[in-house]
Amino acid sequence: MMLVTMSITACTQNVTETPDHKVETIAELFDSLANRGAPPSHELRCYRDSMMSDEYTIFTVVEDTTQKTDEADKDWYRHAADNQRFLLRNATYLVEKLCKTAVESYRYSTPDSVNYSITIKKEPETLLTFRHYKGNRNADCIVLYYTIKKPAKILPKPCDPKLTQALLKQFLAEQKDVKQYPVHYEWDKGVPFPNEGKFYTSFTQHRGHSADSLAASLVTGIHYIIPAKGEEQAKKLENELCDRLTRLYTEQPVIGSNLRTTIRPGLKMKRLSRFWLWQNGKDRRRTIYELQTEVFDDGLHILELNTADAPRFTVPLNWWVIMRTHNTKIFYLDEWKEHI
């Protein structure tokens, strides 16, 4: 699937699950979860030490449903609980199986958790971490990381968005009837980020609590819309963009690049969760560039943000219908309001 990584292939699509069926490989586990509507995420990163990290993550939380009254909520949680039981049964079976052949493996438990740390092999360094624990309000939580680390094929370039900008420009030039709108996210000095759900990501340039969290800030960018004839065509466009970004940052690694995608069923299709570039300093980790996408029946939406000069910034929850924000006030793009 990825140029950098393990050979995960879509070898499991014809497997019929039965109540007693156990998956035999990590690839089969990921594919089964994707088919159940609970896909893993994938992150390709290049570190300052010229190492490439290829990481797959599963993180699930199932809350106590005894207090739920809405039937739709109950149905959703029942489905989530069924996926959780499937994941727990199969992930536990897999990690126990891998422990028997691993280079190193550790299992430790507490009254509220069971934890595994496994080095599957040294070259390339392949790691698996699994944890099952009780979270807040007695929530049942599972986290699994499958990571492959290896040196970059060539010396990584310094952090710079020019490669991504050129790739996006070429991708857009190949499409027809692309629309674009400027976006503008602004925060006044002294106005804190809200706790409410209008903004789903927020960043400050310096680590920990600092003056950045109340600094005046302005981030600008462009919202592109590529028309499509149905959601499947829009997904294919998004997948093509993901593949191009993956090839680019595998073949021409850039320090501080992070490409996060979500795996669709079959491990062949991906959706772009987020791409960003960051620079590490002594006391700060500066995000200088950001890409996000969203798929709808009528097209692929791409958000490109230039964040290098912003001491802090947020991305609004429904960015694909938003032209501008000023503190918590939101200005919508009228023709796309139906996508809220």
C-alpha atoms as a PDB file:
ATOM      1  CA  MET A   1       0.000   0.000   0.000  1.00  0.00           C
ATOM      2  CA  MET A   2       2.657   2.510   1.000  1.00  0.00           C
ATOM      3  CA  LEU A   3       6.021   2.902  -0.642  1.00  0.00           C
ATOM      4  CA  VAL A   4       7.759   3.187   2.690  1.00  0.00           C
ATOM      5  CA  THR A   5       6.220   0.421   4.632  1.00  0.00           C
ATOM      6  CA  MET A   6       5.173  -3.030   5.337  1.00  0.00           C
ATOM      7  CA  SER A   7       3.397  -4.939   2.684  1.00  0.00           C
ATOM      8  CA  ILE A   8      -0.162  -4.533   3.890  1.00  0.00           C
ATOM      9  CA  THR A   9      -2.416  -5.800   1.143  1.00  0.00           C
ATOM     10  CA  ALA A  10      -6.144  -6.238   0.770  1.00  0.00           C
ATOM     11  CA  CYS A  11      -6.005  -9.990   1.211  1.00  0.00           C
ATOM     12  CA  THR A  12      -9.005 -10.371   3.482  1.00  0.00           C
ATOM     13  CA  GLN A  13     -11.998  -9.024   1.651  1.00  0.00           C
ATOM     14  CA  ASN A  14     -13.453 -12.474   0.945  1.00  0.00           C
ATOM     15  CA  VAL A  15     -13.198 -13.613   4.550  1.00  0.00           C
ATOM     16  CA  THR A  16     -16.618 -14.259   6.071  1.00  0.00           C
ATOM     17  CA  GLU A  17     -16.754 -13.336   9.726  1.00  0.00           C
ATOM     18  CA  THR A  18     -18.386 -15.755  12.139  1.00  0.00           C
ATOM     19  CA  PRO A  19     -18.816 -15.239  15.879  1.00  0.00           C
ATOM     20  CA  ASP A  20     -15.732 -17.384  16.527  1.00  0.00           C
ATOM     21  CA  HIS A  21     -13.605 -16.108  13.654  1.00  0.00           C
ATOM     22  CA  LYS A  22     -10.237 -14.664  14.655  1.00  0.00           C
ATOM     23  CA  VAL A  23      -8.145 -12.500  12.366  1.00  0.00           C
ATOM     24  CA  GLU A  24      -4.635 -13.806  11.761  1.00  0.00           C
ATOM     25  CA  THR A  25      -2.770 -10.650  10.667  1.00  0.00           C
ATOM     26  CA  ILE A  26      -2.664  -6.937  11.438  1.00  0.00           C
ATOM     27  CA  ALA A  27      -3.764  -6.256   7.852  1.00  0.00           C
ATOM     28  CA  GLU A  28      -6.833  -8.446   8.299  1.00  0.00           C
ATOM     29  CA  LEU A  29      -7.694  -6.706  11.565  1.00  0.00           C
ATOM     30  CA  PHE A  30      -7.480  -3.264   9.947  1.00  0.00           C
ATOM     31  CA  ASP A  31      -9.509  -4.351   6.928  1.00  0.00           C
ATOM     32  CA  SER A  32     -12.216  -5.932   9.105  1.00  0.00           C
ATOM     33  CA  LEU A  33     -12.515  -2.760  11.193  1.00  0.00           C
ATOM     34  CA  ALA A  34     -12.727  -0.600   8.070  1.00  0.00           C
ATOM     35  CA  ASN A  35     -15.525  -2.797   6.737  1.00  0.00           C
ATOM     36  CA  ARG A  36     -17.317  -2.389  10.071  1.00  0.00           C
ATOM     37  CA  GLY A  37     -17.151   1.403   9.770  1.00  0.00           C
ATOM     38  CA  ALA A  38     -14.352   1.823  12.312  1.00  0.00           C
ATOM     39  CA  PRO A  39     -11.272   2.359  10.107  1.00  0.00           C
ATOM     40  CA  PRO A  40      -7.755   2.867  11.486  1.00  0.00           C
ATOM     41  CA  SER A  41      -5.868   6.072  10.807  1.00  0.00           C
ATOM     42  CA  HIS A  42      -2.446   6.173   9.189  1.00  0.00           C
ATOM     43  CA  GLU A  43       0.285   8.740   9.738  1.00  0.00           C
ATOM     44  CA  LEU A  44       3.483   9.114   7.699  1.00  0.00           C
ATOM     45  CA  ARG A  45       6.046  11.357   9.409  1.00  0.00           C
ATOM     46  CA  CYS A  46       9.615  12.518   8.883  1.00  0.00           C
ATOM     47  CA  TYR A  47      11.543  13.383  12.030  1.00  0.00           C
ATOM     48  CA  ARG A  48      14.413  15.757  12.658  1.00  0.00           C
ATOM     49  CA  ASP A  49      16.796  12.784  12.903  1.00  0.00           C
ATOM     50  CA  SER A  50      16.015  11.762   9.287  1.00  0.00           C
ATOM     51  CA  MET A  51      13.813   8.862  10.350  1.00  0.00           C
ATOM     52  CA  MET A  52      10.568   8.003   8.623  1.00  0.00           C
ATOM     53  CA  SER A  53       7.744   6.735  10.812  1.00  0.00           C
ATOM     54  CA  ASP A  54       4.799   4.847   9.351  1.00  0.00           C
ATOM     55  CA  GLU A  55       2.123   4.465  12.014  1.00  0.00           C
ATOM     56  CA  TYR A  56      -1.354   2.936  12.058  1.00  0.00           C
ATOM     57  CA  THR A  57      -3.619   3.816  14.977  1.00  0.00           C
ATOM     58  CA  ILE A  58      -6.839   2.422  16.371  1.00  0.00           C
ATOM     59  CA  PHE A  59      -8.416   4.351  19.232  1.00  0.00           C
ATOM     60  CA  THR A  60     -11.901   3.472  20.422  1.00  0.00           C
ATOM     61  CA  VAL A  61     -13.995   4.644  23.362  1.00  0.00           C
ATOM     62  CA  VAL A  62     -17.357   3.132  24.296  1.00  0.00           C
ATOM     63  CA  GLU A  63     -19.247   4.972  27.010  1.00  0.00           C
ATOM     64  CA  ASP A  64     -21.692   3.578  29.541  1.00  0.00           C
ATOM     65  CA  THR A  65     -25.077   3.675  27.777  1.00  0.00           C
ATOM     66  CA  THR A  66     -27.334   3.062  30.767  1.00  0.00           C
ATOM     67  CA  GLN A  67     -28.118   6.790  31.008  1.00  0.00           C
ATOM     68  CA  LYS A  68     -28.892   7.192  27.283  1.00  0.00           C
ATOM     69  CA  THR A  69     -32.543   7.852  26.463  1.00  0.00           C
ATOM     70  CA  ASP A  70     -32.458   8.629  22.734  1.00  0.00           C
ATOM     71  CA  GLU A  71     -33.023   5.465  20.672  1.00  0.00           C
ATOM     72  CA  ALA A  72     -30.716   6.629  17.871  1.00  0.00           C
ATOM     73  CA  ASP A  73     -27.963   7.135  20.455  1.00  0.00           C
ATOM     74  CA  LYS A  74     -28.611   3.688  21.886  1.00  0.00           C
ATOM     75  CA  ASP A  75     -28.390   2.080  18.424  1.00  0.00           C
ATOM     76  CA  TRP A  76     -25.122   3.877  17.696  1.00  0.00           C
ATOM     77  CA  TYR A  77     -23.604   2.796  20.999  1.00  0.00           C
ATOM     78  CA  ARG A  78     -24.787  -0.782  20.516  1.00  0.00           C
ATOM     79  CA  HIS A  79     -22.980  -0.860  17.171  1.00  0.00           C
ATOM     80  CA  ALA A  80     -19.878   0.708  18.746  1.00  0.00           C
ATOM     81  CA  ALA A  81     -19.966  -1.838  21.583  1.00  0.00           C
ATOM     82  CA  ASP A  82     -20.168  -4.680  19.047  1.00  0.00           C
ATOM     83  CA  ASN A  83     -17.106  -3.309  17.238  1.00  0.00           C
ATOM     84  CA  GLN A  84     -15.351  -2.964  20.586  1.00  0.00           C
ATOM     85  CA  ARG A  85     -15.953  -6.622  21.447  1.00  0.00           C
ATOM     86  CA  PHE A  86     -14.681  -7.660  18.001  1.00  0.00           C
ATOM     87  CA  LEU A  87     -11.570  -5.501  18.396  1.00  0.00           C
ATOM     88  CA  LEU A  88     -10.820  -6.666  21.932  1.00  0.00           C
ATOM     89  CA  ARG A  89     -11.195 -10.358  21.078  1.00  0.00           C
ATOM     90  CA  ASN A  90      -9.066 -10.195  17.943  1.00  0.00           C
ATOM     91  CA  ALA A  91      -6.441  -7.701  19.076  1.00  0.00           C
ATOM     92  CA  THR A  92      -5.834  -9.709  22.261  1.00  0.00           C
ATOM     93  CA  TYR A  93      -5.489 -12.890  20.208  1.00  0.00           C
ATOM     94  CA  LEU A  94      -3.056 -11.174  17.817  1.00  0.00           C
ATOM     95  CA  VAL A  95      -0.804  -9.612  20.460  1.00  0.00           C
ATOM     96  CA  GLU A  96      -0.579 -12.899  22.368  1.00  0.00           C
ATOM     97  CA  LYS A  97       0.342 -14.619  19.107  1.00  0.00           C
ATOM     98  CA  LEU A  98       2.958 -11.977  18.232  1.00  0.00           C
ATOM     99  CA  CYS A  99       4.516 -12.152  21.714  1.00  0.00           C
ATOM    100  CA  LYS A 100       5.594 -15.742  20.992  1.00  0.00           C
ATOM    101  CA  THR A 101       7.781 -14.756  18.024  1.00  0.00           C
ATOM    102  CA  ALA A 102       8.712 -11.165  18.941  1.00  0.00           C
ATOM    103  CA  VAL A 103      12.240  -9.861  19.485  1.00  0.00           C
ATOM    104  CA  GLU A 104      11.021  -8.333  22.749  1.00  0.00           C
ATOM    105  CA  SER A 105       7.630  -8.223  24.408  1.00  0.00           C
ATOM    106  CA  TYR A 106       6.221  -6.953  27.682  1.00  0.00           C
ATOM    107  CA  ARG A 107       2.833  -7.403  29.263  1.00  0.00           C
ATOM    108  CA  TYR A 108       1.819  -5.569  32.391  1.00  0.00           C
ATOM    109  CA  SER A 109      -1.490  -4.847  34.042  1.00  0.00           C
ATOM    110  CA  THR A 110      -3.096  -2.632  36.668  1.00  0.00           C
ATOM    111  CA  PRO A 111      -6.544  -2.924  38.254  1.00  0.00           C
ATOM    112  CA  ASP A 112      -7.947  -0.821  35.389  1.00  0.00           C
ATOM    113  CA  SER A 113      -5.758  -1.697  32.401  1.00  0.00           C
ATOM    114  CA  VAL A 114      -3.904  -4.336  30.402  1.00  0.00           C
ATOM    115  CA  ASN A 115      -0.878  -3.207  28.391  1.00  0.00           C
ATOM    116  CA  TYR A 116       1.371  -4.818  25.777  1.00  0.00           C
ATOM    117  CA  SER A 117       4.577  -3.444  24.259  1.00  0.00           C
ATOM    118  CA  ILE A 118       6.032  -5.587  21.448  1.00  0.00           C
ATOM    119  CA  THR A 119       9.078  -5.224  19.215  1.00  0.00           C
ATOM    120  CA  ILE A 120       8.089  -7.467  16.310  1.00  0.00           C
ATOM    121  CA  LYS A 121      11.412  -7.070  14.509  1.00  0.00           C
ATOM    122  CA  LYS A 122      14.489  -4.829  14.444  1.00  0.00           C
ATOM    123  CA  GLU A 123      15.008  -4.241  10.700  1.00  0.00           C
ATOM    124  CA  PRO A 124      13.025  -2.271   9.945  1.00  0.00           C
ATOM    125  CA  GLU A 125      12.067  -1.490  13.532  1.00  0.00           C
ATOM    126  CA  THR A 126       8.470  -2.683  13.823  1.00  0.00           C
ATOM    127  CA  LEU A 127       6.573  -1.988  17.029  1.00  0.00           C
ATOM    128  CA  LEU A 128       3.114  -2.759  18.354  1.00  0.00           C
ATOM    129  CA  THR A 129       1.570  -1.195  21.449  1.00  0.00           C
ATOM    130  CA  PHE A 130      -1.819  -2.272  22.756  1.00  0.00           C
ATOM    131  CA  ARG A 131      -3.719  -0.957  25.764  1.00  0.00           C
ATOM    132  CA  HIS A 132      -7.197  -1.795  27.097  1.00  0.00           C
ATOM    133  CA  TYR A 133      -8.303   0.384  30.018  1.00  0.00           C
ATOM    134  CA  LYS A 134     -11.138   2.124  31.823  1.00  0.00           C
ATOM    135  CA  GLY A 135     -11.474   5.809  31.004  1.00  0.00           C
ATOM    136  CA  ASN A 136     -13.534   8.675  32.367  1.00  0.00           C
ATOM    137  CA  ARG A 137     -17.070   7.832  33.476  1.00  0.00           C
ATOM    138  CA  ASN A 138     -16.236   4.124  33.258  1.00  0.00           C
ATOM    139  CA  ALA A 139     -15.760   4.275  29.475  1.00  0.00           C
ATOM    140  CA  ASP A 140     -14.203   1.213  27.857  1.00  0.00           C
ATOM    141  CA  CYS A 141     -11.103   2.305  25.891  1.00  0.00           C
ATOM    142  CA  ILE A 142      -8.763   0.526  23.479  1.00  0.00           C
ATOM    143  CA  VAL A 143      -5.702   1.996  21.788  1.00  0.00           C
ATOM    144  CA  LEU A 144      -3.418   0.139  19.363  1.00  0.00           C
ATOM    145  CA  TYR A 145      -0.359   1.541  17.561  1.00  0.00           C
ATOM    146  CA  TYR A 146       1.426  -0.360  14.795  1.00  0.00           C
ATOM    147  CA  THR A 147       4.602   1.502  13.837  1.00  0.00           C
ATOM    148  CA  ILE A 148       7.421   0.962  11.368  1.00  0.00           C
ATOM    149  CA  LYS A 149      10.526   3.162  11.610  1.00  0.00           C
ATOM    150  CA  LYS A 150      13.340   3.309   9.085  1.00  0.00           C
ATOM    151  CA  PRO A 151      15.880   5.846   7.810  1.00  0.00           C
ATOM    152  CA  ALA A 152      14.709   8.103   5.012  1.00  0.00           C
ATOM    153  CA  LYS A 153      15.874   6.945   1.570  1.00  0.00           C
ATOM    154  CA  ILE A 154      17.559  10.287   0.950  1.00  0.00           C
ATOM    155  CA  LEU A 155      18.622  13.124   3.232  1.00  0.00           C
ATOM    156  CA  PRO A 156      15.426  14.982   4.138  1.00  0.00           C
ATOM    157  CA  LYS A 157      15.032  18.580   3.044  1.00  0.00           C
ATOM    158  CA  PRO A 158      14.460  21.430   5.509  1.00  0.00           C
ATOM    159  CA  CYS A 159      10.855  22.159   6.404  1.00  0.00           C
ATOM    160  CA  ASP A 160       9.309  24.128   3.531  1.00  0.00           C
ATOM    161  CA  PRO A 161       5.799  24.034   2.018  1.00  0.00           C
ATOM    162  CA  LYS A 162       6.950  24.654  -1.580  1.00  0.00           C
ATOM    163  CA  LEU A 163       6.852  20.962  -2.575  1.00  0.00           C
ATOM    164  CA  THR A 164       3.281  20.567  -1.323  1.00  0.00           C
ATOM    165  CA  GLN A 165       2.174  23.831  -2.886  1.00  0.00           C
ATOM    166  CA  ALA A 166       3.571  22.754  -6.261  1.00  0.00           C
ATOM    167  CA  LEU A 167       1.912  19.327  -5.995  1.00  0.00           C
ATOM    168  CA  LEU A 168      -1.459  20.860  -5.108  1.00  0.00           C
ATOM    169  CA  LYS A 169      -1.171  23.409  -7.934  1.00  0.00           C
ATOM    170  CA  GLN A 170      -0.523  20.615 -10.448  1.00  0.00           C
ATOM    171  CA  PHE A 171      -3.371  18.473  -9.056  1.00  0.00           C
ATOM    172  CA  LEU A 172      -5.834  21.361  -9.307  1.00  0.00           C
ATOM    173  CA  ALA A 173      -4.657  22.249 -12.833  1.00  0.00           C
ATOM    174  CA  GLU A 174      -5.681  18.758 -13.993  1.00  0.00           C
ATOM    175  CA  GLN A 175      -9.265  19.203 -12.765  1.00  0.00           C
ATOM    176  CA  LYS A 176     -12.169  21.023 -14.433  1.00  0.00           C
ATOM    177  CA  ASP A 177     -14.277  23.926 -13.151  1.00  0.00           C
ATOM    178  CA  VAL A 178     -12.401  24.284  -9.854  1.00  0.00           C
ATOM    179  CA  LYS A 179     -13.784  27.018  -7.629  1.00  0.00           C
ATOM    180  CA  GLN A 180     -11.765  28.799  -4.975  1.00  0.00           C
ATOM    181  CA  TYR A 181     -12.604  31.115  -2.110  1.00  0.00           C
ATOM    182  CA  PRO A 182     -10.268  33.003   0.234  1.00  0.00           C
ATOM    183  CA  VAL A 183     -10.561  32.094   3.924  1.00  0.00           C
ATOM    184  CA  HIS A 184      -9.648  34.271   6.864  1.00  0.00           C
ATOM    185  CA  TYR A 185      -9.450  33.179  10.528  1.00  0.00           C
ATOM    186  CA  GLU A 186      -8.754  35.949  13.035  1.00  0.00           C
ATOM    187  CA  TRP A 187      -8.410  36.194  16.826  1.00  0.00           C
ATOM    188  CA  ASP A 188      -8.067  39.439  18.763  1.00  0.00           C
ATOM    189  CA  LYS A 189      -5.512  39.811  21.511  1.00  0.00           C
ATOM    190  CA  GLY A 190      -6.827  38.653  24.878  1.00  0.00           C
ATOM    191  CA  VAL A 191      -9.718  36.589  23.465  1.00  0.00           C
ATOM    192  CA  PRO A 192      -9.355  32.936  24.543  1.00  0.00           C
ATOM    193  CA  PHE A 193     -10.239  29.971  22.381  1.00  0.00           C
ATOM    194  CA  PRO A 194     -13.741  28.701  23.293  1.00  0.00           C
ATOM    195  CA  ASN A 195     -14.464  25.389  24.961  1.00  0.00           C
ATOM    196  CA  GLU A 196     -17.562  24.874  22.823  1.00  0.00           C
ATOM    197  CA  GLY A 197     -17.565  22.788  19.668  1.00  0.00           C
ATOM    198  CA  LYS A 198     -17.374  25.433  16.923  1.00  0.00           C
ATOM    199  CA  PHE A 199     -13.643  24.869  16.500  1.00  0.00           C
ATOM    200  CA  TYR A 200     -12.200  21.374  16.499  1.00  0.00           C
ATOM    201  CA  THR A 201      -8.451  22.025  16.392  1.00  0.00           C
ATOM    202  CA  SER A 202      -6.387  24.739  18.008  1.00  0.00           C
ATOM    203  CA  PHE A 203      -2.636  25.309  18.101  1.00  0.00           C
ATOM    204  CA  THR A 204      -0.155  27.599  19.814  1.00  0.00           C
ATOM    205  CA  GLN A 205       3.410  27.980  18.627  1.00  0.00           C
ATOM    206  CA  HIS A 206       5.132  27.567  21.989  1.00  0.00           C
ATOM    207  CA  ARG A 207       4.869  24.438  24.105  1.00  0.00           C
ATOM    208  CA  GLY A 208       2.821  24.614  27.255  1.00  0.00           C
ATOM    209  CA  HIS A 209       0.978  27.679  28.483  1.00  0.00           C
ATOM    210  CA  SER A 210       2.344  30.976  27.199  1.00  0.00           C
ATOM    211  CA  ALA A 211       1.348  34.378  25.910  1.00  0.00           C
ATOM    212  CA  ASP A 212       0.599  32.693  22.566  1.00  0.00           C
ATOM    213  CA  SER A 213      -2.722  31.446  23.915  1.00  0.00           C
ATOM    214  CA  LEU A 214      -4.054  35.033  24.055  1.00  0.00           C
ATOM    215  CA  ALA A 215      -2.033  36.647  21.245  1.00  0.00           C
ATOM    216  CA  ALA A 216      -3.589  38.443  18.282  1.00  0.00           C
ATOM    217  CA  SER A 217      -3.557  36.100  15.307  1.00  0.00           C
ATOM    218  CA  LEU A 218      -4.516  35.998  11.639  1.00  0.00           C
ATOM    219  CA  VAL A 219      -4.404  32.949   9.345  1.00  0.00           C
ATOM    220  CA  THR A 220      -5.314  33.123   5.657  1.00  0.00           C
ATOM    221  CA  GLY A 221      -5.729  30.446   3.033  1.00  0.00           C
ATOM    222  CA  ILE A 222      -7.829  29.135   0.170  1.00  0.00           C
ATOM    223  CA  HIS A 223     -10.833  26.820   0.061  1.00  0.00           C
ATOM    224  CA  TYR A 224     -10.881  24.877  -3.240  1.00  0.00           C
ATOM    225  CA  ILE A 225     -13.910  22.982  -4.528  1.00  0.00           C
ATOM    226  CA  ILE A 226     -13.467  20.361  -7.256  1.00  0.00           C
ATOM    227  CA  PRO A 227     -16.872  19.360  -8.716  1.00  0.00           C
ATOM    228  CA  ALA A 228     -17.664  15.641  -8.849  1.00  0.00           C
ATOM    229  CA  LYS A 229     -20.509  13.476 -10.099  1.00  0.00           C
ATOM    230  CA  GLY A 230     -21.343  11.743  -6.869  1.00  0.00           C
ATOM    231  CA  GLU A 231     -19.521  10.871  -3.677  1.00  0.00           C
ATOM    232  CA  GLU A 232     -17.571   7.959  -5.187  1.00  0.00           C
ATOM    233  CA  GLN A 233     -15.911  10.222  -7.744  1.00  0.00           C
ATOM    234  CA  ALA A 234     -15.105  12.734  -5.010  1.00  0.00           C
ATOM    235  CA  LYS A 235     -13.558   9.922  -2.920  1.00  0.00           C
ATOM    236  CA  LYS A 236     -11.404   8.879  -5.884  1.00  0.00           C
ATOM    237  CA  LEU A 237     -10.157  12.451  -6.275  1.00  0.00           C
ATOM    238  CA  GLU A 238      -9.300  12.590  -2.575  1.00  0.00           C
ATOM    239  CA  ASN A 239      -7.565   9.220  -2.753  1.00  0.00           C
ATOM    240  CA  GLU A 240      -5.475  10.386  -5.729  1.00  0.00           C
ATOM    241  CA  LEU A 241      -4.368  13.463  -3.775  1.00  0.00           C
ATOM    242  CA  CYS A 242      -3.459  11.248  -0.780  1.00  0.00           C
ATOM    243  CA  ASP A 243      -1.438   8.921  -3.014  1.00  0.00           C
ATOM    244  CA  ARG A 244       0.464  11.809  -4.568  1.00  0.00           C
ATOM    245  CA  LEU A 245       1.306  13.301  -1.180  1.00  0.00           C
ATOM    246  CA  THR A 246       2.435   9.880   0.059  1.00  0.00           C
ATOM    247  CA  ARG A 247       4.701   9.328  -2.946  1.00  0.00           C
ATOM    248  CA  LEU A 248       6.120  12.836  -2.686  1.00  0.00           C
ATOM    249  CA  TYR A 249       7.042  12.621   0.989  1.00  0.00           C
ATOM    250  CA  THR A 250       8.339   9.083   0.660  1.00  0.00           C
ATOM    251  CA  GLU A 251      10.604   9.879  -2.289  1.00  0.00           C
ATOM    252  CA  GLN A 252      11.495  13.450  -1.235  1.00  0.00           C
ATOM    253  CA  PRO A 253      11.185  13.516   2.566  1.00  0.00           C
ATOM    254  CA  VAL A 254      10.866  16.865   4.297  1.00  0.00           C
ATOM    255  CA  ILE A 255      11.689  17.265   7.982  1.00  0.00           C
ATOM    256  CA  GLY A 256       8.534  18.003   9.940  1.00  0.00           C
ATOM    257  CA  SER A 257       6.072  16.562   7.413  1.00  0.00           C
ATOM    258  CA  ASN A 258       3.007  14.772   8.782  1.00  0.00           C
ATOM    259  CA  LEU A 259       0.468  13.089   6.496  1.00  0.00           C
ATOM    260  CA  ARG A 260      -2.535  11.667   8.354  1.00  0.00           C
ATOM    261  CA  THR A 261      -5.111   9.615   6.466  1.00  0.00           C
ATOM    262  CA  THR A 262      -7.998   7.293   7.302  1.00  0.00           C
ATOM    263  CA  ILE A 263      -8.089   3.856   5.698  1.00  0.00           C
ATOM    264  CA  ARG A 264     -11.210   2.932   3.751  1.00  0.00           C
ATOM    265  CA  PRO A 265     -12.296  -0.710   3.316  1.00  0.00           C
ATOM    266  CA  GLY A 266      -9.871  -2.866   1.330  1.00  0.00           C
ATOM    267  CA  LEU A 267      -6.810  -0.818   2.385  1.00  0.00           C
ATOM    268  CA  LYS A 268      -6.744   0.619  -1.126  1.00  0.00           C
ATOM    269  CA  MET A 269      -8.713   3.816  -0.607  1.00  0.00           C
ATOM    270  CA  LYS A 270      -7.710   6.561   1.801  1.00  0.00           C
ATOM    271  CA  ARG A 271      -9.152   9.863   2.918  1.00  0.00           C
ATOM    272  CA  LEU A 272      -7.007  12.797   3.932  1.00  0.00           C
ATOM    273  CA  SER A 273      -7.594  13.642   7.565  1.00  0.00           C
ATOM    274  CA  ARG A 274      -4.859  16.259   7.710  1.00  0.00           C
ATOM    275  CA  PHE A 275      -1.462  17.152   6.264  1.00  0.00           C
ATOM    276  CA  TRP A 276       0.787  19.609   8.047  1.00  0.00           C
ATOM    277  CA  LEU A 277       4.390  20.806   8.246  1.00  0.00           C
ATOM    278  CA  TRP A 278       5.954  21.792  11.534  1.00  0.00           C
ATOM    279  CA  GLN A 279       9.298  23.131  12.707  1.00  0.00           C
ATOM    280  CA  ASN A 280      10.785  22.169  16.037  1.00  0.00           C
ATOM    281  CA  GLY A 281      12.624  24.724  18.132  1.00  0.00           C
ATOM    282  CA  LYS A 282      14.019  24.824  21.632  1.00  0.00           C
ATOM    283  CA  ASP A 283      10.703  25.806  23.190  1.00  0.00           C
ATOM    284  CA  ARG A 284       8.218  25.595  20.390  1.00  0.00           C
ATOM    285  CA  ARG A 285       6.780  23.410  17.640  1.00  0.00           C
ATOM    286  CA  ARG A 286       5.637  25.755  14.898  1.00  0.00           C
ATOM    287  CA  THR A 287       2.998  24.629  12.383  1.00  0.00           C
ATOM    288  CA  ILE A 288       3.749  26.452   9.130  1.00  0.00           C
ATOM    289  CA  TYR A 289       1.353  24.866   6.612  1.00  0.00           C
ATOM    290  CA  GLU A 290      -1.877  22.858   6.707  1.00  0.00           C
ATOM    291  CA  LEU A 291      -4.091  20.904   4.278  1.00  0.00           C
ATOM    292  CA  GLN A 292      -7.460  19.288   5.004  1.00  0.00           C
ATOM    293  CA  THR A 293     -10.139  17.751   2.780  1.00  0.00           C
ATOM    294  CA  GLU A 294     -13.826  16.865   2.941  1.00  0.00           C
ATOM    295  CA  VAL A 295     -15.925  14.788   0.517  1.00  0.00           C
ATOM    296  CA  PHE A 296     -19.539  15.461  -0.510  1.00  0.00           C
ATOM    297  CA  ASP A 297     -21.819  14.176  -3.285  1.00  0.00           C
ATOM    298  CA  ASP A 298     -21.108  17.236  -5.394  1.00  0.00           C
ATOM    299  CA  GLY A 299     -17.374  17.574  -4.932  1.00  0.00           C
ATOM    300  CA  LEU A 300     -14.072  17.448  -3.083  1.00  0.00           C
ATOM    301  CA  HIS A 301     -13.303  20.356  -0.776  1.00  0.00           C
ATOM    302  CA  ILE A 302      -9.662  21.220  -0.009  1.00  0.00           C
ATOM    303  CA  LEU A 303      -8.550  23.686   2.660  1.00  0.00           C
ATOM    304  CA  GLU A 304      -5.043  25.152   2.316  1.00  0.00           C
ATOM    305  CA  LEU A 305      -3.787  27.299   5.205  1.00  0.00           C
ATOM    306  CA  ASN A 306      -0.573  29.279   5.588  1.00  0.00           C
ATOM    307  CA  THR A 307       0.078  29.376   9.318  1.00  0.00           C
ATOM    308  CA  ALA A 308       3.799  30.215   9.616  1.00  0.00           C
ATOM    309  CA  ASP A 309       3.330  33.710  11.045  1.00  0.00           C
ATOM    310  CA  ALA A 310       0.455  32.918  13.398  1.00  0.00           C
ATOM    311  CA  PRO A 311       1.267  32.610  17.121  1.00  0.00           C
ATOM    312  CA  ARG A 312      -1.950  30.573  17.443  1.00  0.00           C
ATOM    313  CA  PHE A 313      -4.782  29.424  15.208  1.00  0.00           C
ATOM    314  CA  THR A 314      -7.928  27.328  15.060  1.00  0.00           C
ATOM    315  CA  VAL A 315      -9.780  25.499  12.301  1.00  0.00           C
ATOM    316  CA  PRO A 316     -13.576  25.856  12.467  1.00  0.00           C
ATOM    317  CA  LEU A 317     -15.600  22.674  12.768  1.00  0.00           C
ATOM    318  CA  ASN A 318     -17.453  23.082   9.443  1.00  0.00           C
ATOM    319  CA  TRP A 319     -14.657  24.858   7.539  1.00  0.00           C
ATOM    320  CA  TRP A 320     -16.100  23.797   4.145  1.00  0.00           C
ATOM    321  CA  VAL A 321     -19.024  26.227   4.547  1.00  0.00           C
ATOM    322  CA  ILE A 322     -17.120  29.046   6.284  1.00  0.00           C
ATOM    323  CA  MET A 323     -15.447  32.008   4.598  1.00  0.00           C
ATOM    324  CA  ARG A 324     -14.280  33.903   7.656  1.00  0.00           C
ATOM    325  CA  THR A 325     -14.141  33.802  11.434  1.00  0.00           C
ATOM    326  CA  HIS A 326     -13.484  36.656  13.845  1.00  0.00           C
ATOM    327  CA  ASN A 327     -13.040  35.309  17.338  1.00  0.00           C
ATOM    328  CA  THR A 328     -16.127  33.099  17.822  1.00  0.00           C
ATOM    329  CA  LYS A 329     -18.212  34.893  15.175  1.00  0.00           C
ATOM    330  CA  ILE A 330     -18.588  32.835  11.995  1.00  0.00           C
ATOM    331  CA  PHE A 331     -19.363  34.072   8.473  1.00  0.00           C
ATOM    332  CA  TYR A 332     -20.754  31.349   6.200  1.00  0.00           C
ATOM    333  CA  LEU A 333     -20.501  30.736   2.475  1.00  0.00           C
ATOM    334  CA  ASP A 334     -24.222  30.873   1.679  1.00  0.00           C
ATOM    335  CA  GLU A 335     -24.262  28.498  -1.297  1.00  0.00           C
ATOM    336  CA  TRP A 336     -22.803  25.627   0.784  1.00  0.00           C
ATOM    337  CA  LYS A 337     -24.842  25.990   3.966  1.00  0.00           C
ATOM    338  CA  GLU A 338     -26.689  22.754   3.253  1.00  0.00           C
ATOM    339  CA  HIS A 339     -23.439  20.894   4.072  1.00  0.00           C
ATOM    340  CA  ILE A 340     -23.471  22.010   7.731  1.00  0.00           C
END
